[in-house]
Amino acid sequence: ALEMLKDEYESSNAPAYLAQVAAACQREGRSEQEAAAFILAESPYELE
């Protein structure tokens, strides 16, 4: 899912891409904290 979304944006740390991943996490029933932790752990790029 990350790779599929990544193709739609120029870089994997674009805010729009990260927002899409967060929305996907919400649909899967994850909390805000779990979504943020997932993105930071799974992204191959350095994020703030």
ModelCIF file with pLDDT and N, C-alpha, C, O atoms, coordinates in Angstrom:
data_MODEL
#
_entry.id   MODEL 
#
_entity.id                         1 
_entity.type                       polymer 
_entity.pdbx_number_of_molecules   1 
#
_entity_poly.entity_id                      1 
_entity_poly.type                           'polypeptide(L)' 
_entity_poly.nstd_linkage                   no 
_entity_poly.nstd_monomer                   no 
_entity_poly.pdbx_seq_one_letter_code       ALEMLKDEYESSNAPAYLAQVAAACQREGRSEQEAAAFILAESPYELE 
_entity_poly.pdbx_seq_one_letter_code_can   ALEMLKDEYESSNAPAYLAQVAAACQREGRSEQEAAAFILAESPYELE 
_entity_poly.pdbx_strand_id                 A 
#
loop_
_entity_poly_seq.entity_id 
_entity_poly_seq.num 
_entity_poly_seq.mon_id 
_entity_poly_seq.hetero 
1 1  ALA n 
1 2  LEU n 
1 3  GLU n 
1 4  MET n 
1 5  LEU n 
1 6  LYS n 
1 7  ASP n 
1 8  GLU n 
1 9  TYR n 
1 10 GLU n 
1 11 SER n 
1 12 SER n 
1 13 ASN n 
1 14 ALA n 
1 15 PRO n 
1 16 ALA n 
1 17 TYR n 
1 18 LEU n 
1 19 ALA n 
1 20 GLN n 
1 21 VAL n 
1 22 ALA n 
1 23 ALA n 
1 24 ALA n 
1 25 CYS n 
1 26 GLN n 
1 27 ARG n 
1 28 GLU n 
1 29 GLY n 
1 30 ARG n 
1 31 SER n 
1 32 GLU n 
1 33 GLN n 
1 34 GLU n 
1 35 ALA n 
1 36 ALA n 
1 37 ALA n 
1 38 PHE n 
1 39 ILE n 
1 40 LEU n 
1 41 ALA n 
1 42 GLU n 
1 43 SER n 
1 44 PRO n 
1 45 TYR n 
1 46 GLU n 
1 47 LEU n 
1 48 GLU n 
#
_struct_asym.id          A 
_struct_asym.entity_id   1 
#
loop_
_ma_qa_metric.id 
_ma_qa_metric.mode 
_ma_qa_metric.name 
_ma_qa_metric.software_group_id 
_ma_qa_metric.type 
1 global pLDDT . pLDDT 
2 local  pLDDT . pLDDT 
#
_ma_qa_metric_global.metric_id      1 
_ma_qa_metric_global.metric_value   74.19 
_ma_qa_metric_global.model_id       1 
_ma_qa_metric_global.ordinal_id     1 
#
loop_
_ma_qa_metric_local.label_asym_id 
_ma_qa_metric_local.label_comp_id 
_ma_qa_metric_local.label_seq_id 
_ma_qa_metric_local.metric_id 
_ma_qa_metric_local.metric_value 
_ma_qa_metric_local.model_id 
_ma_qa_metric_local.ordinal_id 
A ALA 1  2 48.00 1 1  
A LEU 2  2 53.00 1 2  
A GLU 3  2 54.00 1 3  
A MET 4  2 50.00 1 4  
A LEU 5  2 51.00 1 5  
A LYS 6  2 51.00 1 6  
A ASP 7  2 50.00 1 7  
A GLU 8  2 50.00 1 8  
A TYR 9  2 46.00 1 9  
A GLU 10 2 45.00 1 10 
A SER 11 2 50.00 1 11 
A SER 12 2 50.00 1 12 
A ASN 13 2 55.00 1 13 
A ALA 14 2 69.00 1 14 
A PRO 15 2 76.00 1 15 
A ALA 16 2 75.00 1 16 
A TYR 17 2 79.00 1 17 
A LEU 18 2 83.00 1 18 
A ALA 19 2 83.00 1 19 
A GLN 20 2 82.00 1 20 
A VAL 21 2 85.00 1 21 
A ALA 22 2 85.00 1 22 
A ALA 23 2 83.00 1 23 
A ALA 24 2 83.00 1 24 
A CYS 25 2 86.00 1 25 
A GLN 26 2 84.00 1 26 
A ARG 27 2 81.00 1 27 
A GLU 28 2 81.00 1 28 
A GLY 29 2 81.00 1 29 
A ARG 30 2 85.00 1 30 
A SER 31 2 87.00 1 31 
A GLU 32 2 87.00 1 32 
A GLN 33 2 89.00 1 33 
A GLU 34 2 89.00 1 34 
A ALA 35 2 89.00 1 35 
A ALA 36 2 90.00 1 36 
A ALA 37 2 90.00 1 37 
A PHE 38 2 89.00 1 38 
A ILE 39 2 87.00 1 39 
A LEU 40 2 88.00 1 40 
A ALA 41 2 86.00 1 41 
A GLU 42 2 82.00 1 42 
A SER 43 2 81.00 1 43 
A PRO 44 2 75.00 1 44 
A TYR 45 2 76.00 1 45 
A GLU 46 2 78.00 1 46 
A LEU 47 2 81.00 1 47 
A GLU 48 2 83.00 1 48 
#
loop_
_atom_site.group_PDB 
_atom_site.id 
_atom_site.type_symbol 
_atom_site.label_atom_id 
_atom_site.label_alt_id 
_atom_site.label_comp_id 
_atom_site.label_asym_id 
_atom_site.label_entity_id 
_atom_site.label_seq_id 
_atom_site.pdbx_PDB_ins_code 
_atom_site.Cartn_x 
_atom_site.Cartn_y 
_atom_site.Cartn_z 
_atom_site.occupancy 
_atom_site.B_iso_or_equiv 
_atom_site.pdbx_formal_charge 
_atom_site.auth_seq_id 
_atom_site.auth_comp_id 
_atom_site.auth_asym_id 
_atom_site.auth_atom_id 
_atom_site.pdbx_PDB_model_num 
ATOM 1   N N  . ALA A 1 1  ? 0.832   -1.209 0.000  1.00 48.00 ? 1  ALA A N  1 
ATOM 2   C CA . ALA A 1 1  ? 0.000   0.000  0.000  1.00 48.00 ? 1  ALA A CA 1 
ATOM 3   C C  . ALA A 1 1  ? 0.858   1.247  0.000  1.00 48.00 ? 1  ALA A C  1 
ATOM 4   O O  . ALA A 1 1  ? 0.545   2.221  -0.685 1.00 48.00 ? 1  ALA A O  1 
ATOM 5   N N  . LEU A 1 2  ? 1.951   1.226  0.771  1.00 53.00 ? 2  LEU A N  1 
ATOM 6   C CA . LEU A 1 2  ? 2.868   2.358  0.777  1.00 53.00 ? 2  LEU A CA 1 
ATOM 7   C C  . LEU A 1 2  ? 3.464   2.581  -0.606 1.00 53.00 ? 2  LEU A C  1 
ATOM 8   O O  . LEU A 1 2  ? 3.543   3.711  -1.088 1.00 53.00 ? 2  LEU A O  1 
ATOM 9   N N  . GLU A 1 3  ? 3.879   1.494  -1.233 1.00 54.00 ? 3  GLU A N  1 
ATOM 10  C CA . GLU A 1 3  ? 4.499   1.615  -2.551 1.00 54.00 ? 3  GLU A CA 1 
ATOM 11  C C  . GLU A 1 3  ? 3.493   2.115  -3.586 1.00 54.00 ? 3  GLU A C  1 
ATOM 12  O O  . GLU A 1 3  ? 3.839   2.906  -4.463 1.00 54.00 ? 3  GLU A O  1 
ATOM 13  N N  . MET A 1 4  ? 2.236   1.646  -3.479 1.00 50.00 ? 4  MET A N  1 
ATOM 14  C CA . MET A 1 4  ? 1.217   2.084  -4.430 1.00 50.00 ? 4  MET A CA 1 
ATOM 15  C C  . MET A 1 4  ? 0.949   3.577  -4.282 1.00 50.00 ? 4  MET A C  1 
ATOM 16  O O  . MET A 1 4  ? 0.833   4.291  -5.278 1.00 50.00 ? 4  MET A O  1 
ATOM 17  N N  . LEU A 1 5  ? 0.851   4.042  -3.060 1.00 51.00 ? 5  LEU A N  1 
ATOM 18  C CA . LEU A 1 5  ? 0.615   5.458  -2.839 1.00 51.00 ? 5  LEU A CA 1 
ATOM 19  C C  . LEU A 1 5  ? 1.819   6.299  -3.242 1.00 51.00 ? 5  LEU A C  1 
ATOM 20  O O  . LEU A 1 5  ? 1.674   7.421  -3.726 1.00 51.00 ? 5  LEU A O  1 
ATOM 21  N N  . LYS A 1 6  ? 3.000   5.746  -3.037 1.00 51.00 ? 6  LYS A N  1 
ATOM 22  C CA . LYS A 1 6  ? 4.224   6.479  -3.334 1.00 51.00 ? 6  LYS A CA 1 
ATOM 23  C C  . LYS A 1 6  ? 4.305   6.846  -4.811 1.00 51.00 ? 6  LYS A C  1 
ATOM 24  O O  . LYS A 1 6  ? 4.848   7.896  -5.156 1.00 51.00 ? 6  LYS A O  1 
ATOM 25  N N  . ASP A 1 7  ? 3.780   6.010  -5.671 1.00 50.00 ? 7  ASP A N  1 
ATOM 26  C CA . ASP A 1 7  ? 3.849   6.270  -7.110 1.00 50.00 ? 7  ASP A CA 1 
ATOM 27  C C  . ASP A 1 7  ? 3.067   7.511  -7.509 1.00 50.00 ? 7  ASP A C  1 
ATOM 28  O O  . ASP A 1 7  ? 3.329   8.098  -8.559 1.00 50.00 ? 7  ASP A O  1 
ATOM 29  N N  . GLU A 1 8  ? 2.102   7.918  -6.676 1.00 50.00 ? 8  GLU A N  1 
ATOM 30  C CA . GLU A 1 8  ? 1.258   9.041  -7.034 1.00 50.00 ? 8  GLU A CA 1 
ATOM 31  C C  . GLU A 1 8  ? 1.891   10.387 -6.691 1.00 50.00 ? 8  GLU A C  1 
ATOM 32  O O  . GLU A 1 8  ? 1.375   11.432 -7.089 1.00 50.00 ? 8  GLU A O  1 
ATOM 33  N N  . TYR A 1 9  ? 2.992   10.373 -5.966 1.00 46.00 ? 9  TYR A N  1 
ATOM 34  C CA . TYR A 1 9  ? 3.597   11.617 -5.518 1.00 46.00 ? 9  TYR A CA 1 
ATOM 35  C C  . TYR A 1 9  ? 5.072   11.635 -5.857 1.00 46.00 ? 9  TYR A C  1 
ATOM 36  O O  . TYR A 1 9  ? 5.685   10.591 -6.080 1.00 46.00 ? 9  TYR A O  1 
ATOM 37  N N  . GLU A 1 10 ? 5.648   12.856 -5.893 1.00 45.00 ? 10 GLU A N  1 
ATOM 38  C CA . GLU A 1 10 ? 7.036   12.996 -6.315 1.00 45.00 ? 10 GLU A CA 1 
ATOM 39  C C  . GLU A 1 10 ? 7.999   12.410 -5.301 1.00 45.00 ? 10 GLU A C  1 
ATOM 40  O O  . GLU A 1 10 ? 9.026   11.850 -5.683 1.00 45.00 ? 10 GLU A O  1 
ATOM 41  N N  . SER A 1 11 ? 7.695   12.525 -4.031 1.00 50.00 ? 11 SER A N  1 
ATOM 42  C CA . SER A 1 11 ? 8.593   11.990 -3.002 1.00 50.00 ? 11 SER A CA 1 
ATOM 43  C C  . SER A 1 11 ? 7.772   11.372 -1.884 1.00 50.00 ? 11 SER A C  1 
ATOM 44  O O  . SER A 1 11 ? 6.618   11.738 -1.662 1.00 50.00 ? 11 SER A O  1 
ATOM 45  N N  . SER A 1 12 ? 8.390   10.430 -1.185 1.00 50.00 ? 12 SER A N  1 
ATOM 46  C CA . SER A 1 12 ? 7.644   9.692  -0.170 1.00 50.00 ? 12 SER A CA 1 
ATOM 47  C C  . SER A 1 12 ? 7.432   10.488 1.102  1.00 50.00 ? 12 SER A C  1 
ATOM 48  O O  . SER A 1 12 ? 6.686   10.050 1.978  1.00 50.00 ? 12 SER A O  1 
ATOM 49  N N  . ASN A 1 13 ? 8.065   11.646 1.232  1.00 55.00 ? 13 ASN A N  1 
ATOM 50  C CA . ASN A 1 13 ? 7.805   12.449 2.424  1.00 55.00 ? 13 ASN A CA 1 
ATOM 51  C C  . ASN A 1 13 ? 6.971   13.678 2.098  1.00 55.00 ? 13 ASN A C  1 
ATOM 52  O O  . ASN A 1 13 ? 6.923   14.618 2.891  1.00 55.00 ? 13 ASN A O  1 
ATOM 53  N N  . ALA A 1 14 ? 6.296   13.686 0.916  1.00 69.00 ? 14 ALA A N  1 
ATOM 54  C CA . ALA A 1 14 ? 5.378   14.774 0.600  1.00 69.00 ? 14 ALA A CA 1 
ATOM 55  C C  . ALA A 1 14 ? 4.213   14.742 1.569  1.00 69.00 ? 14 ALA A C  1 
ATOM 56  O O  . ALA A 1 14 ? 3.716   13.662 1.889  1.00 69.00 ? 14 ALA A O  1 
ATOM 57  N N  . PRO A 1 15 ? 3.756   15.907 2.053  1.00 76.00 ? 15 PRO A N  1 
ATOM 58  C CA . PRO A 1 15 ? 2.646   15.929 3.020  1.00 76.00 ? 15 PRO A CA 1 
ATOM 59  C C  . PRO A 1 15 ? 1.399   15.217 2.519  1.00 76.00 ? 15 PRO A C  1 
ATOM 60  O O  . PRO A 1 15 ? 0.710   14.551 3.291  1.00 76.00 ? 15 PRO A O  1 
ATOM 61  N N  . ALA A 1 16 ? 1.106   15.356 1.229  1.00 75.00 ? 16 ALA A N  1 
ATOM 62  C CA . ALA A 1 16 ? -0.091  14.702 0.692  1.00 75.00 ? 16 ALA A CA 1 
ATOM 63  C C  . ALA A 1 16 ? 0.018   13.184 0.799  1.00 75.00 ? 16 ALA A C  1 
ATOM 64  O O  . ALA A 1 16 ? -0.952  12.513 1.152  1.00 75.00 ? 16 ALA A O  1 
ATOM 65  N N  . TYR A 1 17 ? 1.196   12.645 0.496  1.00 79.00 ? 17 TYR A N  1 
ATOM 66  C CA . TYR A 1 17 ? 1.422   11.196 0.602  1.00 79.00 ? 17 TYR A CA 1 
ATOM 67  C C  . TYR A 1 17 ? 1.279   10.725 2.046  1.00 79.00 ? 17 TYR A C  1 
ATOM 68  O O  . TYR A 1 17 ? 0.631   9.714  2.316  1.00 79.00 ? 17 TYR A O  1 
ATOM 69  N N  . LEU A 1 18 ? 1.891   11.467 2.973  1.00 83.00 ? 18 LEU A N  1 
ATOM 70  C CA . LEU A 1 18 ? 1.822   11.067 4.376  1.00 83.00 ? 18 LEU A CA 1 
ATOM 71  C C  . LEU A 1 18 ? 0.388   11.148 4.898  1.00 83.00 ? 18 LEU A C  1 
ATOM 72  O O  . LEU A 1 18 ? -0.027  10.333 5.722  1.00 83.00 ? 18 LEU A O  1 
ATOM 73  N N  . ALA A 1 19 ? -0.363  12.135 4.413  1.00 83.00 ? 19 ALA A N  1 
ATOM 74  C CA . ALA A 1 19 ? -1.756  12.248 4.824  1.00 83.00 ? 19 ALA A CA 1 
ATOM 75  C C  . ALA A 1 19 ? -2.574  11.061 4.313  1.00 83.00 ? 19 ALA A C  1 
ATOM 76  O O  . ALA A 1 19 ? -3.467  10.579 5.009  1.00 83.00 ? 19 ALA A O  1 
ATOM 77  N N  . GLN A 1 20 ? -2.266  10.581 3.077  1.00 82.00 ? 20 GLN A N  1 
ATOM 78  C CA . GLN A 1 20 ? -2.956  9.408  2.535  1.00 82.00 ? 20 GLN A CA 1 
ATOM 79  C C  . GLN A 1 20 ? -2.660  8.167  3.373  1.00 82.00 ? 20 GLN A C  1 
ATOM 80  O O  . GLN A 1 20 ? -3.556  7.369  3.649  1.00 82.00 ? 20 GLN A O  1 
ATOM 81  N N  . VAL A 1 21 ? -1.407  8.012  3.773  1.00 85.00 ? 21 VAL A N  1 
ATOM 82  C CA . VAL A 1 21 ? -1.042  6.863  4.608  1.00 85.00 ? 21 VAL A CA 1 
ATOM 83  C C  . VAL A 1 21 ? -1.757  6.938  5.947  1.00 85.00 ? 21 VAL A C  1 
ATOM 84  O O  . VAL A 1 21 ? -2.237  5.928  6.462  1.00 85.00 ? 21 VAL A O  1 
ATOM 85  N N  . ALA A 1 22 ? -1.825  8.162  6.519  1.00 85.00 ? 22 ALA A N  1 
ATOM 86  C CA . ALA A 1 22 ? -2.513  8.335  7.796  1.00 85.00 ? 22 ALA A CA 1 
ATOM 87  C C  . ALA A 1 22 ? -3.992  7.989  7.666  1.00 85.00 ? 22 ALA A C  1 
ATOM 88  O O  . ALA A 1 22 ? -4.576  7.365  8.553  1.00 85.00 ? 22 ALA A O  1 
ATOM 89  N N  . ALA A 1 23 ? -4.597  8.407  6.535  1.00 83.00 ? 23 ALA A N  1 
ATOM 90  C CA . ALA A 1 23 ? -6.008  8.082  6.308  1.00 83.00 ? 23 ALA A CA 1 
ATOM 91  C C  . ALA A 1 23 ? -6.219  6.576  6.184  1.00 83.00 ? 23 ALA A C  1 
ATOM 92  O O  . ALA A 1 23 ? -7.212  6.035  6.669  1.00 83.00 ? 23 ALA A O  1 
ATOM 93  N N  . ALA A 1 24 ? -5.258  5.894  5.517  1.00 83.00 ? 24 ALA A N  1 
ATOM 94  C CA . ALA A 1 24 ? -5.343  4.438  5.397  1.00 83.00 ? 24 ALA A CA 1 
ATOM 95  C C  . ALA A 1 24 ? -5.254  3.779  6.772  1.00 83.00 ? 24 ALA A C  1 
ATOM 96  O O  . ALA A 1 24 ? -5.968  2.817  7.056  1.00 83.00 ? 24 ALA A O  1 
ATOM 97  N N  . CYS A 1 25 ? -4.378  4.303  7.614  1.00 86.00 ? 25 CYS A N  1 
ATOM 98  C CA . CYS A 1 25 ? -4.256  3.771  8.976  1.00 86.00 ? 25 CYS A CA 1 
ATOM 99  C C  . CYS A 1 25 ? -5.560  3.946  9.746  1.00 86.00 ? 25 CYS A C  1 
ATOM 100 O O  . CYS A 1 25 ? -5.980  3.058  10.488 1.00 86.00 ? 25 CYS A O  1 
ATOM 101 N N  . GLN A 1 26 ? -6.192  5.096  9.560  1.00 84.00 ? 26 GLN A N  1 
ATOM 102 C CA . GLN A 1 26 ? -7.454  5.354  10.256 1.00 84.00 ? 26 GLN A CA 1 
ATOM 103 C C  . GLN A 1 26 ? -8.534  4.377  9.800  1.00 84.00 ? 26 GLN A C  1 
ATOM 104 O O  . GLN A 1 26 ? -9.315  3.883  10.613 1.00 84.00 ? 26 GLN A O  1 
ATOM 105 N N  . ARG A 1 27 ? -8.574  4.099  8.487  1.00 81.00 ? 27 ARG A N  1 
ATOM 106 C CA . ARG A 1 27 ? -9.565  3.139  7.977  1.00 81.00 ? 27 ARG A CA 1 
ATOM 107 C C  . ARG A 1 27 ? -9.319  1.749  8.530  1.00 81.00 ? 27 ARG A C  1 
ATOM 108 O O  . ARG A 1 27 ? -10.259 0.970  8.683  1.00 81.00 ? 27 ARG A O  1 
ATOM 109 N N  . GLU A 1 28 ? -8.082  1.429  8.828  1.00 81.00 ? 28 GLU A N  1 
ATOM 110 C CA . GLU A 1 28 ? -7.743  0.114  9.370  1.00 81.00 ? 28 GLU A CA 1 
ATOM 111 C C  . GLU A 1 28 ? -7.966  0.033  10.875 1.00 81.00 ? 28 GLU A C  1 
ATOM 112 O O  . GLU A 1 28 ? -7.752  -1.019 11.478 1.00 81.00 ? 28 GLU A O  1 
ATOM 113 N N  . GLY A 1 29 ? -8.404  1.168  11.504 1.00 81.00 ? 29 GLY A N  1 
ATOM 114 C CA . GLY A 1 29 ? -8.712  1.129  12.928 1.00 81.00 ? 29 GLY A CA 1 
ATOM 115 C C  . GLY A 1 29 ? -7.550  1.477  13.831 1.00 81.00 ? 29 GLY A C  1 
ATOM 116 O O  . GLY A 1 29 ? -7.600  1.195  15.029 1.00 81.00 ? 29 GLY A O  1 
ATOM 117 N N  . ARG A 1 30 ? -6.503  2.082  13.295 1.00 85.00 ? 30 ARG A N  1 
ATOM 118 C CA . ARG A 1 30 ? -5.353  2.440  14.128 1.00 85.00 ? 30 ARG A CA 1 
ATOM 119 C C  . ARG A 1 30 ? -5.581  3.806  14.789 1.00 85.00 ? 30 ARG A C  1 
ATOM 120 O O  . ARG A 1 30 ? -6.352  4.617  14.277 1.00 85.00 ? 30 ARG A O  1 
ATOM 121 N N  . SER A 1 31 ? -4.930  4.058  15.898 1.00 87.00 ? 31 SER A N  1 
ATOM 122 C CA . SER A 1 31 ? -5.011  5.348  16.581 1.00 87.00 ? 31 SER A CA 1 
ATOM 123 C C  . SER A 1 31 ? -4.027  6.331  15.932 1.00 87.00 ? 31 SER A C  1 
ATOM 124 O O  . SER A 1 31 ? -3.190  5.942  15.118 1.00 87.00 ? 31 SER A O  1 
ATOM 125 N N  . GLU A 1 32 ? -4.145  7.605  16.305 1.00 87.00 ? 32 GLU A N  1 
ATOM 126 C CA . GLU A 1 32 ? -3.220  8.610  15.769 1.00 87.00 ? 32 GLU A CA 1 
ATOM 127 C C  . GLU A 1 32 ? -1.778  8.265  16.116 1.00 87.00 ? 32 GLU A C  1 
ATOM 128 O O  . GLU A 1 32 ? -0.892  8.336  15.265 1.00 87.00 ? 32 GLU A O  1 
ATOM 129 N N  . GLN A 1 33 ? -1.550  7.890  17.375 1.00 89.00 ? 33 GLN A N  1 
ATOM 130 C CA . GLN A 1 33 ? -0.198  7.579  17.820 1.00 89.00 ? 33 GLN A CA 1 
ATOM 131 C C  . GLN A 1 33 ? 0.366   6.382  17.058 1.00 89.00 ? 33 GLN A C  1 
ATOM 132 O O  . GLN A 1 33 ? 1.534   6.378  16.669 1.00 89.00 ? 33 GLN A O  1 
ATOM 133 N N  . GLU A 1 34 ? -0.470  5.371  16.849 1.00 89.00 ? 34 GLU A N  1 
ATOM 134 C CA . GLU A 1 34 ? -0.008  4.181  16.122 1.00 89.00 ? 34 GLU A CA 1 
ATOM 135 C C  . GLU A 1 34 ? 0.284   4.520  14.658 1.00 89.00 ? 34 GLU A C  1 
ATOM 136 O O  . GLU A 1 34 ? 1.236   3.996  14.080 1.00 89.00 ? 34 GLU A O  1 
ATOM 137 N N  . ALA A 1 35 ? -0.532  5.396  14.056 1.00 89.00 ? 35 ALA A N  1 
ATOM 138 C CA . ALA A 1 35 ? -0.305  5.778  12.663 1.00 89.00 ? 35 ALA A CA 1 
ATOM 139 C C  . ALA A 1 35 ? 1.001   6.537  12.515 1.00 89.00 ? 35 ALA A C  1 
ATOM 140 O O  . ALA A 1 35 ? 1.780   6.265  11.601 1.00 89.00 ? 35 ALA A O  1 
ATOM 141 N N  . ALA A 1 36 ? 1.244   7.490  13.410 1.00 90.00 ? 36 ALA A N  1 
ATOM 142 C CA . ALA A 1 36 ? 2.483   8.263  13.349 1.00 90.00 ? 36 ALA A CA 1 
ATOM 143 C C  . ALA A 1 36 ? 3.692   7.365  13.555 1.00 90.00 ? 36 ALA A C  1 
ATOM 144 O O  . ALA A 1 36 ? 4.696   7.505  12.856 1.00 90.00 ? 36 ALA A O  1 
ATOM 145 N N  . ALA A 1 37 ? 3.603   6.439  14.516 1.00 90.00 ? 37 ALA A N  1 
ATOM 146 C CA . ALA A 1 37 ? 4.714   5.520  14.780 1.00 90.00 ? 37 ALA A CA 1 
ATOM 147 C C  . ALA A 1 37 ? 4.977   4.631  13.573 1.00 90.00 ? 37 ALA A C  1 
ATOM 148 O O  . ALA A 1 37 ? 6.131   4.367  13.237 1.00 90.00 ? 37 ALA A O  1 
ATOM 149 N N  . PHE A 1 38 ? 3.896   4.159  12.906 1.00 89.00 ? 38 PHE A N  1 
ATOM 150 C CA . PHE A 1 38 ? 4.040   3.308  11.726 1.00 89.00 ? 38 PHE A CA 1 
ATOM 151 C C  . PHE A 1 38 ? 4.769   4.044  10.598 1.00 89.00 ? 38 PHE A C  1 
ATOM 152 O O  . PHE A 1 38 ? 5.698   3.506  9.995  1.00 89.00 ? 38 PHE A O  1 
ATOM 153 N N  . ILE A 1 39 ? 4.338   5.280  10.320 1.00 87.00 ? 39 ILE A N  1 
ATOM 154 C CA . ILE A 1 39 ? 4.952   6.048  9.233  1.00 87.00 ? 39 ILE A CA 1 
ATOM 155 C C  . ILE A 1 39 ? 6.435   6.282  9.510  1.00 87.00 ? 39 ILE A C  1 
ATOM 156 O O  . ILE A 1 39 ? 7.267   6.114  8.618  1.00 87.00 ? 39 ILE A O  1 
ATOM 157 N N  . LEU A 1 40 ? 6.768   6.668  10.735 1.00 88.00 ? 40 LEU A N  1 
ATOM 158 C CA . LEU A 1 40 ? 8.171   6.934  11.081 1.00 88.00 ? 40 LEU A CA 1 
ATOM 159 C C  . LEU A 1 40 ? 9.026   5.671  11.011 1.00 88.00 ? 40 LEU A C  1 
ATOM 160 O O  . LEU A 1 40 ? 10.201  5.725  10.645 1.00 88.00 ? 40 LEU A O  1 
ATOM 161 N N  . ALA A 1 41 ? 8.426   4.537  11.365 1.00 86.00 ? 41 ALA A N  1 
ATOM 162 C CA . ALA A 1 41 ? 9.187   3.280  11.369 1.00 86.00 ? 41 ALA A CA 1 
ATOM 163 C C  . ALA A 1 41 ? 9.348   2.699  9.968  1.00 86.00 ? 41 ALA A C  1 
ATOM 164 O O  . ALA A 1 41 ? 10.396  2.130  9.662  1.00 86.00 ? 41 ALA A O  1 
ATOM 165 N N  . GLU A 1 42 ? 8.331   2.829  9.106  1.00 82.00 ? 42 GLU A N  1 
ATOM 166 C CA . GLU A 1 42 ? 8.333   2.156  7.814  1.00 82.00 ? 42 GLU A CA 1 
ATOM 167 C C  . GLU A 1 42 ? 8.905   2.995  6.674  1.00 82.00 ? 42 GLU A C  1 
ATOM 168 O O  . GLU A 1 42 ? 9.338   2.451  5.658  1.00 82.00 ? 42 GLU A O  1 
ATOM 169 N N  . SER A 1 43 ? 8.907   4.316  6.840  1.00 81.00 ? 43 SER A N  1 
ATOM 170 C CA . SER A 1 43 ? 9.388   5.143  5.733  1.00 81.00 ? 43 SER A CA 1 
ATOM 171 C C  . SER A 1 43 ? 10.902  5.003  5.570  1.00 81.00 ? 43 SER A C  1 
ATOM 172 O O  . SER A 1 43 ? 11.635  5.075  6.556  1.00 81.00 ? 43 SER A O  1 
ATOM 173 N N  . PRO A 1 44 ? 11.377  4.805  4.340  1.00 75.00 ? 44 PRO A N  1 
ATOM 174 C CA . PRO A 1 44 ? 12.829  4.708  4.108  1.00 75.00 ? 44 PRO A CA 1 
ATOM 175 C C  . PRO A 1 44 ? 13.491  6.084  4.114  1.00 75.00 ? 44 PRO A C  1 
ATOM 176 O O  . PRO A 1 44 ? 14.710  6.180  3.971  1.00 75.00 ? 44 PRO A O  1 
ATOM 177 N N  . TYR A 1 45 ? 12.713  7.136  4.274  1.00 76.00 ? 45 TYR A N  1 
ATOM 178 C CA . TYR A 1 45 ? 13.248  8.493  4.255  1.00 76.00 ? 45 TYR A CA 1 
ATOM 179 C C  . TYR A 1 45 ? 13.252  9.069  5.662  1.00 76.00 ? 45 TYR A C  1 
ATOM 180 O O  . TYR A 1 45 ? 12.466  8.660  6.517  1.00 76.00 ? 45 TYR A O  1 
ATOM 181 N N  . GLU A 1 46 ? 14.151  10.027 5.890  1.00 78.00 ? 46 GLU A N  1 
ATOM 182 C CA . GLU A 1 46 ? 14.233  10.665 7.202  1.00 78.00 ? 46 GLU A CA 1 
ATOM 183 C C  . GLU A 1 46 ? 13.122  11.704 7.330  1.00 78.00 ? 46 GLU A C  1 
ATOM 184 O O  . GLU A 1 46 ? 13.025  12.624 6.518  1.00 78.00 ? 46 GLU A O  1 
ATOM 185 N N  . LEU A 1 47 ? 12.292  11.551 8.347  1.00 81.00 ? 47 LEU A N  1 
ATOM 186 C CA . LEU A 1 47 ? 11.155  12.434 8.543  1.00 81.00 ? 47 LEU A CA 1 
ATOM 187 C C  . LEU A 1 47 ? 11.275  13.150 9.886  1.00 81.00 ? 47 LEU A C  1 
ATOM 188 O O  . LEU A 1 47 ? 11.919  12.654 10.811 1.00 81.00 ? 47 LEU A O  1 
ATOM 189 N N  . GLU A 1 48 ? 10.646  14.322 9.979  1.00 83.00 ? 48 GLU A N  1 
ATOM 190 C CA . GLU A 1 48 ? 10.597  15.053 11.239 1.00 83.00 ? 48 GLU A CA 1 
ATOM 191 C C  . GLU A 1 48 ? 9.383   14.580 12.042 1.00 83.00 ? 48 GLU A C  1 
ATOM 192 O O  . GLU A 1 48 ? 9.146   15.067 13.148 1.00 83.00 ? 48 GLU A O  1 
#
